[in-house]
């Protein structure tokens, strides 16, 4: 290879390499970076069949068009559950008009004590748009297994004073009903706002 051809070869390689870097950079920029754990494409928690606190059967398709934040807990939970629901309520408030595009779902892992009336009152403490869901103990086991959620009854001093150990994260679905994120307890309001804004931007 003579000197002129060698120069042309190096220049061509440089252009290809530069284009490759540019393409890679663009590809990386097009993929949103979330604060929560990105579980897009996960082969679980794709849907559910539960009853809401008004006695209506519910599934994920009922909330299509909204970003769904789904949490498993119980109304007598002393800290994790009320903190999580209060944070989602604050997120909805801070997002203003876009807050109307968020749907919070609370699935009780304590159907023995969490009656529809109790659940309805509990949701009202945070946001009137929040929906509580329940099912029979057997169906709850199946749902929890599908969502990879842990829960266990911990006996108290009396038969009715027991507590429930349970997973403390939330599942987040995009406006098309696809599972996208798992946000751990304690992440905070602002990271959740940022993630929801990204999901809403995708839908716009």
N, C-alpha and C. Protein backbone atom coordinates (compact mmCIF):
# COMPACT_ATOMS: atom_id res chain seq x y z
N UNK A 1 0.86 -1.20 0.00
CA UNK A 1 0.00 0.00 0.00
C UNK A 1 0.90 1.25 0.00
N UNK A 2 0.66 2.18 -1.02
CA UNK A 2 1.48 3.39 -1.05
C UNK A 2 0.99 4.40 -0.03
N UNK A 3 1.76 5.48 0.09
CA UNK A 3 1.50 6.46 1.14
C UNK A 3 0.12 7.10 0.99
N UNK A 4 -0.26 7.45 -0.28
CA UNK A 4 -1.55 8.11 -0.50
C UNK A 4 -2.71 7.18 -0.13
N UNK A 5 -2.62 5.94 -0.55
CA UNK A 5 -3.68 4.98 -0.24
C UNK A 5 -3.77 4.71 1.27
N UNK A 6 -2.60 4.71 1.92
CA UNK A 6 -2.58 4.48 3.37
C UNK A 6 -3.29 5.60 4.10
N UNK A 7 -3.08 6.84 3.63
CA UNK A 7 -3.74 7.99 4.25
C UNK A 7 -5.25 7.89 4.08
N UNK A 8 -5.67 7.50 2.83
CA UNK A 8 -7.10 7.35 2.57
C UNK A 8 -7.71 6.25 3.46
N UNK A 9 -6.99 5.19 3.65
CA UNK A 9 -7.47 4.07 4.46
C UNK A 9 -7.66 4.49 5.91
N UNK A 10 -6.67 5.21 6.44
CA UNK A 10 -6.75 5.69 7.82
C UNK A 10 -7.91 6.65 7.99
N UNK A 11 -8.10 7.55 7.00
CA UNK A 11 -9.19 8.52 7.07
C UNK A 11 -10.54 7.81 7.06
N UNK A 12 -10.66 6.80 6.19
CA UNK A 12 -11.92 6.05 6.10
C UNK A 12 -12.21 5.32 7.41
N UNK A 13 -11.19 4.72 8.01
CA UNK A 13 -11.37 4.02 9.28
C UNK A 13 -11.79 4.98 10.38
N UNK A 14 -11.20 6.17 10.36
CA UNK A 14 -11.52 7.18 11.36
C UNK A 14 -12.98 7.60 11.25
N UNK A 15 -13.46 7.77 10.01
CA UNK A 15 -14.85 8.16 9.78
C UNK A 15 -15.82 7.07 10.27
N UNK A 16 -15.48 5.81 9.97
CA UNK A 16 -16.32 4.69 10.40
C UNK A 16 -16.37 4.60 11.91
N UNK A 17 -15.19 4.74 12.54
CA UNK A 17 -15.11 4.68 13.99
C UNK A 17 -15.91 5.81 14.62
N UNK A 18 -15.79 7.01 14.04
CA UNK A 18 -16.52 8.16 14.57
C UNK A 18 -18.02 7.97 14.45
N UNK A 19 -18.46 7.42 13.31
CA UNK A 19 -19.88 7.17 13.10
C UNK A 19 -20.40 6.14 14.09
N UNK A 20 -19.55 5.15 14.36
CA UNK A 20 -19.93 4.09 15.29
C UNK A 20 -20.12 4.64 16.71
N UNK A 21 -19.18 5.51 17.12
CA UNK A 21 -19.27 6.12 18.44
C UNK A 21 -20.50 6.99 18.54
N UNK A 22 -20.78 7.76 17.46
CA UNK A 22 -21.93 8.64 17.44
C UNK A 22 -23.23 7.83 17.54
N UNK A 23 -23.29 6.71 16.77
CA UNK A 23 -24.48 5.87 16.78
C UNK A 23 -24.71 5.28 18.16
N UNK A 24 -23.62 4.82 18.78
CA UNK A 24 -23.71 4.24 20.11
C UNK A 24 -24.19 5.28 21.11
N UNK A 25 -23.64 6.49 21.00
CA UNK A 25 -24.02 7.56 21.93
C UNK A 25 -25.50 7.88 21.78
N UNK A 26 -25.98 7.94 20.51
CA UNK A 26 -27.39 8.24 20.26
C UNK A 26 -28.28 7.14 20.82
N UNK A 27 -27.83 5.90 20.65
CA UNK A 27 -28.62 4.78 21.14
C UNK A 27 -28.73 4.82 22.65
N UNK A 28 -27.62 5.16 23.32
CA UNK A 28 -27.62 5.22 24.77
C UNK A 28 -28.50 6.36 25.26
N UNK A 29 -28.49 7.47 24.51
CA UNK A 29 -29.28 8.63 24.92
C UNK A 29 -30.77 8.37 24.73
N UNK A 30 -31.14 7.53 23.76
CA UNK A 30 -32.54 7.30 23.48
C UNK A 30 -33.19 6.40 24.53
N UNK A 31 -32.38 5.67 25.27
CA UNK A 31 -32.90 4.79 26.31
C UNK A 31 -32.96 5.56 27.62
N UNK A 32 -34.16 5.68 28.22
CA UNK A 32 -34.27 6.45 29.47
C UNK A 32 -33.49 5.81 30.61
N UNK A 33 -32.93 6.63 31.45
CA UNK A 33 -32.21 6.15 32.63
C UNK A 33 -33.07 6.45 33.85
N UNK A 34 -33.53 5.40 34.50
CA UNK A 34 -34.45 5.54 35.63
C UNK A 34 -33.71 5.46 36.97
N UNK A 35 -34.29 6.08 37.98
CA UNK A 35 -33.76 5.97 39.34
C UNK A 35 -34.12 4.61 39.93
N UNK A 36 -35.31 4.11 39.59
CA UNK A 36 -35.75 2.81 40.06
C UNK A 36 -35.09 1.69 39.25
N UNK A 37 -35.32 0.46 39.67
CA UNK A 37 -34.76 -0.69 38.96
C UNK A 37 -35.57 -0.91 37.68
N UNK A 38 -34.89 -0.86 36.55
CA UNK A 38 -35.55 -1.03 35.26
C UNK A 38 -35.78 -2.53 35.01
N UNK A 39 -37.03 -2.95 35.02
CA UNK A 39 -37.35 -4.36 34.77
C UNK A 39 -38.21 -4.50 33.51
N UNK A 40 -38.01 -3.60 32.57
CA UNK A 40 -38.73 -3.65 31.30
C UNK A 40 -38.54 -5.01 30.66
N UNK A 41 -39.64 -5.61 30.24
CA UNK A 41 -39.58 -6.92 29.60
C UNK A 41 -39.65 -8.09 30.55
N UNK A 42 -39.83 -7.82 31.85
CA UNK A 42 -39.91 -8.89 32.85
C UNK A 42 -41.06 -9.84 32.53
N UNK A 43 -40.83 -11.11 32.75
CA UNK A 43 -41.82 -12.13 32.41
C UNK A 43 -42.65 -12.53 33.64
N UNK A 44 -43.10 -11.56 34.38
CA UNK A 44 -43.95 -11.80 35.55
C UNK A 44 -44.74 -10.53 35.85
N UNK A 45 -45.71 -10.65 36.76
CA UNK A 45 -46.53 -9.49 37.15
C UNK A 45 -47.13 -8.77 35.96
N UNK A 46 -47.59 -9.54 34.98
CA UNK A 46 -48.14 -8.93 33.77
C UNK A 46 -49.58 -8.47 33.93
N UNK A 47 -50.29 -9.07 34.86
CA UNK A 47 -51.69 -8.69 35.08
C UNK A 47 -52.15 -9.22 36.44
N UNK A 48 -53.38 -8.91 36.78
CA UNK A 48 -53.96 -9.40 38.02
C UNK A 48 -55.47 -9.45 37.88
N UNK A 49 -56.11 -10.21 38.76
CA UNK A 49 -57.57 -10.27 38.82
C UNK A 49 -57.96 -10.16 40.29
N UNK A 50 -58.32 -8.93 40.70
CA UNK A 50 -58.61 -8.64 42.10
C UNK A 50 -59.90 -7.84 42.20
N UNK A 51 -60.35 -7.60 43.42
CA UNK A 51 -61.57 -6.83 43.65
C UNK A 51 -61.22 -5.53 44.35
N UNK A 52 -61.82 -4.42 43.90
CA UNK A 52 -61.49 -3.14 44.55
C UNK A 52 -62.37 -2.90 45.77
N UNK A 53 -62.08 -1.82 46.49
CA UNK A 53 -62.79 -1.57 47.75
C UNK A 53 -64.26 -1.21 47.57
N UNK A 54 -64.67 -1.04 46.31
CA UNK A 54 -66.09 -0.81 46.02
C UNK A 54 -66.79 -2.08 45.54
N UNK A 55 -66.04 -3.19 45.57
CA UNK A 55 -66.63 -4.47 45.17
C UNK A 55 -66.58 -4.76 43.69
N UNK A 56 -65.84 -3.95 42.93
CA UNK A 56 -65.76 -4.13 41.49
C UNK A 56 -64.54 -4.98 41.10
N UNK A 57 -64.71 -5.95 40.19
CA UNK A 57 -63.56 -6.72 39.71
C UNK A 57 -62.62 -5.82 38.92
N UNK A 58 -61.34 -6.00 39.13
CA UNK A 58 -60.34 -5.14 38.48
C UNK A 58 -59.21 -5.94 37.87
N UNK A 59 -58.68 -5.42 36.77
CA UNK A 59 -57.47 -5.97 36.16
C UNK A 59 -56.67 -4.79 35.63
N UNK A 60 -55.49 -5.05 35.14
CA UNK A 60 -54.59 -3.97 34.73
C UNK A 60 -55.17 -3.12 33.60
N UNK A 61 -55.93 -3.75 32.72
CA UNK A 61 -56.46 -3.02 31.56
C UNK A 61 -57.40 -1.88 31.97
N UNK A 62 -57.97 -1.96 33.18
CA UNK A 62 -58.86 -0.90 33.65
C UNK A 62 -58.14 0.43 33.83
N UNK A 63 -56.82 0.38 33.92
CA UNK A 63 -56.05 1.60 34.21
C UNK A 63 -55.15 2.00 33.03
N UNK A 64 -55.46 1.47 31.87
CA UNK A 64 -54.67 1.79 30.68
C UNK A 64 -54.74 3.29 30.40
N UNK A 65 -53.63 3.87 30.02
CA UNK A 65 -53.55 5.32 29.79
C UNK A 65 -52.96 6.06 30.97
N UNK A 66 -52.75 5.33 32.08
CA UNK A 66 -52.15 5.94 33.27
C UNK A 66 -50.89 5.18 33.67
N UNK A 67 -50.00 5.89 34.34
CA UNK A 67 -48.85 5.24 34.97
C UNK A 67 -49.35 4.65 36.28
N UNK A 68 -49.22 3.35 36.44
CA UNK A 68 -49.74 2.66 37.61
C UNK A 68 -48.61 2.37 38.60
N UNK A 69 -48.82 2.77 39.84
CA UNK A 69 -47.89 2.45 40.93
C UNK A 69 -48.60 1.47 41.85
N UNK A 70 -48.12 0.24 41.91
CA UNK A 70 -48.79 -0.84 42.63
C UNK A 70 -47.96 -1.30 43.82
N UNK A 71 -48.60 -1.34 44.99
CA UNK A 71 -47.89 -1.66 46.23
C UNK A 71 -48.67 -2.71 47.02
N UNK A 72 -47.96 -3.67 47.60
CA UNK A 72 -48.57 -4.68 48.46
C UNK A 72 -48.31 -4.33 49.92
N UNK A 73 -49.36 -4.26 50.73
CA UNK A 73 -49.19 -3.91 52.14
C UNK A 73 -50.44 -4.24 52.94
N UNK A 74 -50.62 -3.57 54.07
CA UNK A 74 -51.83 -3.79 54.88
C UNK A 74 -52.08 -2.54 55.72
N UNK A 75 -53.34 -2.33 56.08
CA UNK A 75 -53.73 -1.05 56.68
C UNK A 75 -53.19 -0.82 58.08
N UNK A 76 -52.87 -1.90 58.82
CA UNK A 76 -52.34 -1.72 60.17
C UNK A 76 -50.81 -1.68 60.21
N UNK A 77 -50.21 -1.59 59.04
CA UNK A 77 -48.75 -1.44 58.93
C UNK A 77 -48.34 -0.13 59.60
N UNK A 78 -47.36 -0.16 60.48
CA UNK A 78 -47.01 1.04 61.25
C UNK A 78 -46.16 2.08 60.52
N UNK A 79 -45.44 1.68 59.49
CA UNK A 79 -44.51 2.64 58.89
C UNK A 79 -44.38 2.57 57.37
N UNK A 80 -43.95 1.43 56.85
CA UNK A 80 -43.66 1.32 55.42
C UNK A 80 -44.85 1.66 54.55
N UNK A 81 -46.00 1.07 54.86
CA UNK A 81 -47.19 1.27 54.02
C UNK A 81 -47.69 2.72 54.00
N UNK A 82 -47.92 3.33 55.18
CA UNK A 82 -48.39 4.72 55.14
C UNK A 82 -47.37 5.67 54.53
N UNK A 83 -46.08 5.40 54.75
CA UNK A 83 -45.04 6.26 54.16
C UNK A 83 -45.07 6.17 52.64
N UNK A 84 -45.18 4.95 52.12
CA UNK A 84 -45.21 4.75 50.67
C UNK A 84 -46.42 5.42 50.04
N UNK A 85 -47.58 5.22 50.63
CA UNK A 85 -48.79 5.81 50.06
C UNK A 85 -48.77 7.33 50.14
N UNK A 86 -48.23 7.86 51.23
CA UNK A 86 -48.11 9.31 51.38
C UNK A 86 -47.16 9.89 50.32
N UNK A 87 -46.09 9.16 50.03
CA UNK A 87 -45.14 9.61 49.01
C UNK A 87 -45.78 9.65 47.62
N UNK A 88 -46.56 8.62 47.30
CA UNK A 88 -47.22 8.59 46.00
C UNK A 88 -48.25 9.73 45.91
N UNK A 89 -48.93 9.99 47.01
CA UNK A 89 -49.88 11.11 47.03
C UNK A 89 -49.16 12.44 46.81
N UNK A 90 -47.98 12.58 47.40
CA UNK A 90 -47.20 13.80 47.22
C UNK A 90 -46.69 13.92 45.79
N UNK A 91 -46.30 12.81 45.20
CA UNK A 91 -45.87 12.81 43.80
C UNK A 91 -47.01 13.30 42.91
N UNK A 92 -48.17 12.75 43.15
CA UNK A 92 -49.34 13.14 42.35
C UNK A 92 -49.64 14.64 42.49
N UNK A 93 -49.48 15.14 43.70
CA UNK A 93 -49.72 16.56 43.98
C UNK A 93 -48.70 17.44 43.27
N UNK A 94 -47.43 17.07 43.38
CA UNK A 94 -46.37 17.90 42.80
C UNK A 94 -46.38 17.89 41.26
N UNK A 95 -46.93 16.85 40.67
CA UNK A 95 -46.97 16.78 39.21
C UNK A 95 -48.10 17.63 38.62
N UNK A 96 -48.93 18.20 39.48
CA UNK A 96 -50.00 19.06 38.99
C UNK A 96 -50.98 18.33 38.09
N UNK A 97 -51.21 18.88 36.89
CA UNK A 97 -52.15 18.28 35.94
C UNK A 97 -51.73 16.87 35.55
N UNK A 98 -50.42 16.65 35.43
CA UNK A 98 -49.94 15.31 35.08
C UNK A 98 -50.20 14.30 36.18
N UNK A 99 -50.45 14.78 37.38
CA UNK A 99 -50.76 13.88 38.48
C UNK A 99 -52.02 13.07 38.24
N UNK A 100 -52.90 13.61 37.38
CA UNK A 100 -54.14 12.90 37.05
C UNK A 100 -53.86 11.66 36.22
N UNK A 101 -52.64 11.55 35.69
CA UNK A 101 -52.27 10.40 34.86
C UNK A 101 -51.60 9.29 35.68
N UNK A 102 -51.64 9.44 37.01
CA UNK A 102 -51.06 8.43 37.90
C UNK A 102 -52.18 7.69 38.64
N UNK A 103 -52.07 6.38 38.69
CA UNK A 103 -53.02 5.58 39.45
C UNK A 103 -52.29 4.74 40.48
N UNK A 104 -52.58 4.98 41.74
CA UNK A 104 -51.99 4.19 42.82
C UNK A 104 -52.92 3.03 43.15
N UNK A 105 -52.33 1.82 43.27
CA UNK A 105 -53.07 0.63 43.65
C UNK A 105 -52.44 0.04 44.90
N UNK A 106 -53.28 -0.27 45.89
CA UNK A 106 -52.82 -0.84 47.15
C UNK A 106 -53.43 -2.22 47.31
N UNK A 107 -52.60 -3.26 47.27
CA UNK A 107 -53.08 -4.63 47.39
C UNK A 107 -52.85 -5.10 48.82
N UNK A 108 -53.91 -5.45 49.53
CA UNK A 108 -53.73 -5.88 50.90
C UNK A 108 -53.24 -7.32 50.99
N UNK A 109 -52.29 -7.53 51.88
CA UNK A 109 -51.80 -8.89 52.16
C UNK A 109 -52.43 -9.39 53.46
N UNK A 110 -53.44 -8.65 53.93
CA UNK A 110 -54.13 -8.98 55.18
C UNK A 110 -55.64 -8.95 54.97
N UNK A 111 -56.15 -9.81 54.08
CA UNK A 111 -57.59 -9.77 53.78
C UNK A 111 -58.46 -10.13 54.97
N UNK A 112 -57.90 -10.76 55.99
CA UNK A 112 -58.66 -11.13 57.19
C UNK A 112 -59.18 -9.90 57.93
N UNK A 113 -58.34 -8.87 58.03
CA UNK A 113 -58.74 -7.66 58.75
C UNK A 113 -59.09 -6.51 57.80
N UNK A 114 -58.49 -6.51 56.63
CA UNK A 114 -58.72 -5.41 55.69
C UNK A 114 -59.97 -5.65 54.86
N UNK A 115 -61.11 -5.33 55.44
CA UNK A 115 -62.38 -5.44 54.75
C UNK A 115 -62.50 -4.30 53.73
N UNK A 116 -63.45 -4.39 52.79
CA UNK A 116 -63.63 -3.30 51.84
C UNK A 116 -63.84 -1.94 52.50
N UNK A 117 -64.60 -1.93 53.59
CA UNK A 117 -64.86 -0.67 54.29
C UNK A 117 -63.57 -0.09 54.89
N UNK A 118 -62.77 -0.97 55.48
CA UNK A 118 -61.50 -0.53 56.07
C UNK A 118 -60.57 0.00 54.98
N UNK A 119 -60.51 -0.71 53.88
CA UNK A 119 -59.64 -0.31 52.77
C UNK A 119 -60.07 1.02 52.17
N UNK A 120 -61.35 1.20 52.01
CA UNK A 120 -61.87 2.46 51.45
C UNK A 120 -61.49 3.64 52.34
N UNK A 121 -61.66 3.46 53.66
CA UNK A 121 -61.29 4.53 54.58
C UNK A 121 -59.80 4.80 54.58
N UNK A 122 -59.02 3.75 54.44
CA UNK A 122 -57.56 3.90 54.43
C UNK A 122 -57.11 4.69 53.21
N UNK A 123 -57.68 4.40 52.04
CA UNK A 123 -57.32 5.13 50.82
C UNK A 123 -57.67 6.61 50.94
N UNK A 124 -58.79 6.89 51.59
CA UNK A 124 -59.25 8.27 51.74
C UNK A 124 -58.27 9.11 52.56
N UNK A 125 -57.46 8.44 53.39
CA UNK A 125 -56.46 9.17 54.18
C UNK A 125 -55.36 9.77 53.32
N UNK A 126 -55.18 9.22 52.12
CA UNK A 126 -54.07 9.65 51.27
C UNK A 126 -54.53 10.40 50.03
N UNK A 127 -55.41 9.78 49.25
CA UNK A 127 -55.90 10.42 48.03
C UNK A 127 -57.19 9.70 47.62
N UNK A 128 -58.24 10.44 47.32
CA UNK A 128 -59.52 9.80 46.97
C UNK A 128 -59.48 9.00 45.68
N UNK A 129 -58.45 9.22 44.86
CA UNK A 129 -58.35 8.47 43.59
C UNK A 129 -57.64 7.13 43.76
N UNK A 130 -57.00 6.92 44.91
CA UNK A 130 -56.27 5.66 45.14
C UNK A 130 -57.27 4.50 45.25
N UNK A 131 -56.87 3.37 44.74
CA UNK A 131 -57.73 2.18 44.74
C UNK A 131 -57.08 1.06 45.53
N UNK A 132 -57.82 0.51 46.49
CA UNK A 132 -57.35 -0.64 47.25
C UNK A 132 -57.93 -1.91 46.65
N UNK A 133 -57.15 -2.97 46.65
CA UNK A 133 -57.55 -4.24 46.05
C UNK A 133 -57.40 -5.38 47.04
N UNK A 134 -58.29 -6.35 46.95
CA UNK A 134 -58.22 -7.51 47.85
C UNK A 134 -58.69 -8.75 47.11
N UNK A 135 -58.47 -9.90 47.71
CA UNK A 135 -58.95 -11.16 47.17
C UNK A 135 -58.97 -12.19 48.30
N UNK A 136 -59.31 -13.41 47.99
CA UNK A 136 -59.33 -14.47 48.99
C UNK A 136 -57.89 -14.85 49.36
N UNK A 137 -57.68 -15.43 50.53
CA UNK A 137 -56.33 -15.85 50.93
C UNK A 137 -55.64 -16.74 49.89
N UNK A 138 -56.38 -17.69 49.31
CA UNK A 138 -55.78 -18.58 48.32
C UNK A 138 -55.36 -17.85 47.06
N UNK A 139 -56.24 -16.97 46.58
CA UNK A 139 -55.91 -16.21 45.37
C UNK A 139 -54.80 -15.19 45.65
N UNK A 140 -54.74 -14.71 46.88
CA UNK A 140 -53.67 -13.79 47.26
C UNK A 140 -52.31 -14.48 47.15
N UNK A 141 -52.25 -15.72 47.58
CA UNK A 141 -51.01 -16.48 47.47
C UNK A 141 -50.56 -16.59 46.03
N UNK A 142 -51.50 -16.88 45.15
CA UNK A 142 -51.18 -17.01 43.73
C UNK A 142 -50.73 -15.69 43.13
N UNK A 143 -51.40 -14.61 43.51
CA UNK A 143 -51.03 -13.29 43.01
C UNK A 143 -49.65 -12.89 43.50
N UNK A 144 -49.40 -13.10 44.79
CA UNK A 144 -48.09 -12.76 45.36
C UNK A 144 -46.98 -13.56 44.68
N UNK A 145 -47.25 -14.81 44.39
CA UNK A 145 -46.25 -15.65 43.71
C UNK A 145 -45.96 -15.11 42.33
N UNK A 146 -47.00 -14.70 41.62
CA UNK A 146 -46.83 -14.16 40.27
C UNK A 146 -46.04 -12.85 40.29
N UNK A 147 -46.20 -12.07 41.35
CA UNK A 147 -45.50 -10.79 41.47
C UNK A 147 -44.17 -10.92 42.20
N UNK A 148 -43.85 -12.13 42.62
CA UNK A 148 -42.61 -12.38 43.38
C UNK A 148 -42.59 -11.54 44.67
N UNK A 149 -43.74 -11.44 45.29
CA UNK A 149 -43.91 -10.67 46.53
C UNK A 149 -43.92 -11.62 47.73
N UNK A 150 -43.22 -11.22 48.76
CA UNK A 150 -43.16 -12.01 50.00
C UNK A 150 -44.09 -11.40 51.04
N UNK A 151 -44.82 -12.25 51.76
CA UNK A 151 -45.57 -11.79 52.93
C UNK A 151 -45.75 -12.96 53.89
N UNK A 152 -45.80 -12.64 55.17
CA UNK A 152 -45.93 -13.69 56.19
C UNK A 152 -46.57 -13.10 57.45
N UNK A 153 -47.48 -13.83 58.00
CA UNK A 153 -48.16 -13.41 59.23
C UNK A 153 -47.24 -13.65 60.43
N UNK A 154 -47.14 -12.64 61.29
CA UNK A 154 -46.31 -12.74 62.50
C UNK A 154 -47.24 -12.60 63.70
N UNK A 155 -47.36 -13.66 64.48
CA UNK A 155 -48.30 -13.67 65.61
C UNK A 155 -47.98 -12.59 66.64
N UNK A 156 -49.05 -12.02 67.20
CA UNK A 156 -48.91 -11.02 68.25
C UNK A 156 -49.33 -11.60 69.59
N UNK A 157 -49.58 -10.74 70.57
CA UNK A 157 -49.96 -11.18 71.91
C UNK A 157 -51.40 -11.72 71.94
N UNK A 158 -52.21 -11.25 70.99
CA UNK A 158 -53.58 -11.73 70.88
C UNK A 158 -53.82 -12.18 69.43
N UNK A 159 -54.87 -12.95 69.19
CA UNK A 159 -55.15 -13.44 67.84
C UNK A 159 -55.32 -12.35 66.79
N UNK A 160 -55.75 -11.18 67.22
CA UNK A 160 -56.00 -10.10 66.25
C UNK A 160 -54.90 -9.03 66.22
N UNK A 161 -53.87 -9.20 67.03
CA UNK A 161 -52.81 -8.18 67.09
C UNK A 161 -51.57 -8.57 66.29
N UNK A 162 -51.74 -9.49 65.38
CA UNK A 162 -50.60 -9.92 64.57
C UNK A 162 -50.15 -8.82 63.62
N UNK A 163 -48.95 -8.96 63.11
CA UNK A 163 -48.43 -8.05 62.08
C UNK A 163 -48.13 -8.87 60.83
N UNK A 164 -47.79 -8.18 59.76
CA UNK A 164 -47.48 -8.85 58.50
C UNK A 164 -46.11 -8.40 58.00
N UNK A 165 -45.19 -9.34 57.87
CA UNK A 165 -43.95 -9.04 57.16
C UNK A 165 -44.26 -9.08 55.67
N UNK A 166 -43.71 -8.15 54.91
CA UNK A 166 -44.01 -8.16 53.47
C UNK A 166 -42.96 -7.37 52.69
N UNK A 167 -42.90 -7.63 51.40
CA UNK A 167 -42.02 -6.89 50.51
C UNK A 167 -42.40 -5.42 50.54
N UNK A 168 -41.42 -4.55 50.39
CA UNK A 168 -41.69 -3.12 50.59
C UNK A 168 -41.51 -2.27 49.35
N UNK A 169 -41.38 -2.89 48.18
CA UNK A 169 -41.19 -2.10 46.96
C UNK A 169 -42.50 -1.93 46.20
N UNK A 170 -42.46 -1.08 45.17
CA UNK A 170 -43.63 -0.82 44.33
C UNK A 170 -43.33 -1.18 42.89
N UNK A 171 -44.36 -1.67 42.21
CA UNK A 171 -44.27 -1.98 40.78
C UNK A 171 -44.84 -0.81 40.00
N UNK A 172 -44.15 -0.41 38.95
CA UNK A 172 -44.62 0.71 38.15
C UNK A 172 -44.83 0.26 36.70
N UNK A 173 -46.04 0.53 36.20
CA UNK A 173 -46.41 0.19 34.83
C UNK A 173 -46.52 1.45 34.00
N UNK A 174 -46.20 1.35 32.71
CA UNK A 174 -46.34 2.52 31.84
C UNK A 174 -47.80 2.64 31.38
N UNK A 175 -48.08 3.66 30.58
CA UNK A 175 -49.46 3.94 30.19
C UNK A 175 -50.07 2.87 29.29
N UNK A 176 -49.23 1.98 28.76
CA UNK A 176 -49.73 0.89 27.92
C UNK A 176 -49.98 -0.39 28.73
N UNK A 177 -49.69 -0.32 30.03
CA UNK A 177 -49.90 -1.48 30.88
C UNK A 177 -48.73 -2.43 30.94
N UNK A 178 -47.57 -1.99 30.50
CA UNK A 178 -46.37 -2.83 30.54
C UNK A 178 -45.58 -2.57 31.81
N UNK A 179 -45.14 -3.63 32.48
CA UNK A 179 -44.32 -3.48 33.69
C UNK A 179 -42.96 -2.91 33.31
N UNK A 180 -42.57 -1.82 33.97
CA UNK A 180 -41.32 -1.14 33.61
C UNK A 180 -40.32 -1.03 34.75
N UNK A 181 -40.82 -0.74 35.98
CA UNK A 181 -39.90 -0.42 37.07
C UNK A 181 -40.29 -1.09 38.38
N UNK A 182 -39.27 -1.27 39.21
CA UNK A 182 -39.49 -1.70 40.59
C UNK A 182 -38.74 -0.69 41.46
N UNK A 183 -39.50 0.04 42.26
CA UNK A 183 -38.88 1.06 43.09
C UNK A 183 -38.85 0.60 44.54
N UNK A 184 -37.68 0.64 45.15
CA UNK A 184 -37.50 0.16 46.51
C UNK A 184 -38.01 1.18 47.52
N UNK A 185 -38.42 0.69 48.66
CA UNK A 185 -38.89 1.55 49.74
C UNK A 185 -37.77 2.50 50.17
N UNK A 186 -38.12 3.76 50.38
CA UNK A 186 -37.14 4.74 50.83
C UNK A 186 -36.46 5.50 49.71
N UNK A 187 -36.86 5.22 48.46
CA UNK A 187 -36.24 5.92 47.32
C UNK A 187 -36.52 7.41 47.37
N UNK A 188 -37.72 7.78 47.80
CA UNK A 188 -38.05 9.19 47.94
C UNK A 188 -38.95 9.73 46.84
N UNK A 189 -39.51 10.91 47.08
CA UNK A 189 -40.48 11.51 46.18
C UNK A 189 -39.86 11.98 44.87
N UNK A 190 -38.76 12.70 44.94
CA UNK A 190 -38.20 13.31 43.73
C UNK A 190 -37.73 12.27 42.69
N UNK A 191 -37.04 11.21 43.09
CA UNK A 191 -36.68 10.18 42.10
C UNK A 191 -37.91 9.56 41.44
N UNK A 192 -38.97 9.37 42.21
CA UNK A 192 -40.20 8.80 41.66
C UNK A 192 -40.84 9.76 40.67
N UNK A 193 -40.82 11.04 40.98
CA UNK A 193 -41.34 12.05 40.06
C UNK A 193 -40.57 12.01 38.74
N UNK A 194 -39.25 11.96 38.85
CA UNK A 194 -38.41 11.93 37.65
C UNK A 194 -38.72 10.72 36.78
N UNK A 195 -38.87 9.55 37.41
CA UNK A 195 -39.17 8.33 36.65
C UNK A 195 -40.53 8.40 35.97
N UNK A 196 -41.52 8.90 36.69
CA UNK A 196 -42.86 9.00 36.11
C UNK A 196 -42.88 10.00 34.96
N UNK A 197 -42.14 11.07 35.08
CA UNK A 197 -42.06 12.04 33.99
C UNK A 197 -41.49 11.39 32.73
N UNK A 198 -40.49 10.53 32.91
CA UNK A 198 -39.89 9.83 31.77
C UNK A 198 -40.93 8.92 31.10
N UNK A 199 -41.71 8.22 31.92
CA UNK A 199 -42.73 7.32 31.36
C UNK A 199 -43.83 8.12 30.65
N UNK A 200 -44.20 9.24 31.22
CA UNK A 200 -45.22 10.09 30.58
C UNK A 200 -44.69 10.70 29.28
N UNK A 201 -43.41 11.01 29.26
CA UNK A 201 -42.80 11.57 28.06
C UNK A 201 -42.82 10.55 26.93
N UNK A 202 -42.59 9.29 27.27
CA UNK A 202 -42.64 8.23 26.27
C UNK A 202 -44.03 8.14 25.63
N UNK A 203 -45.04 8.40 26.44
CA UNK A 203 -46.42 8.24 25.98
C UNK A 203 -46.92 9.44 25.19
N UNK A 204 -46.20 10.55 25.28
CA UNK A 204 -46.68 11.78 24.61
C UNK A 204 -46.35 11.79 23.13
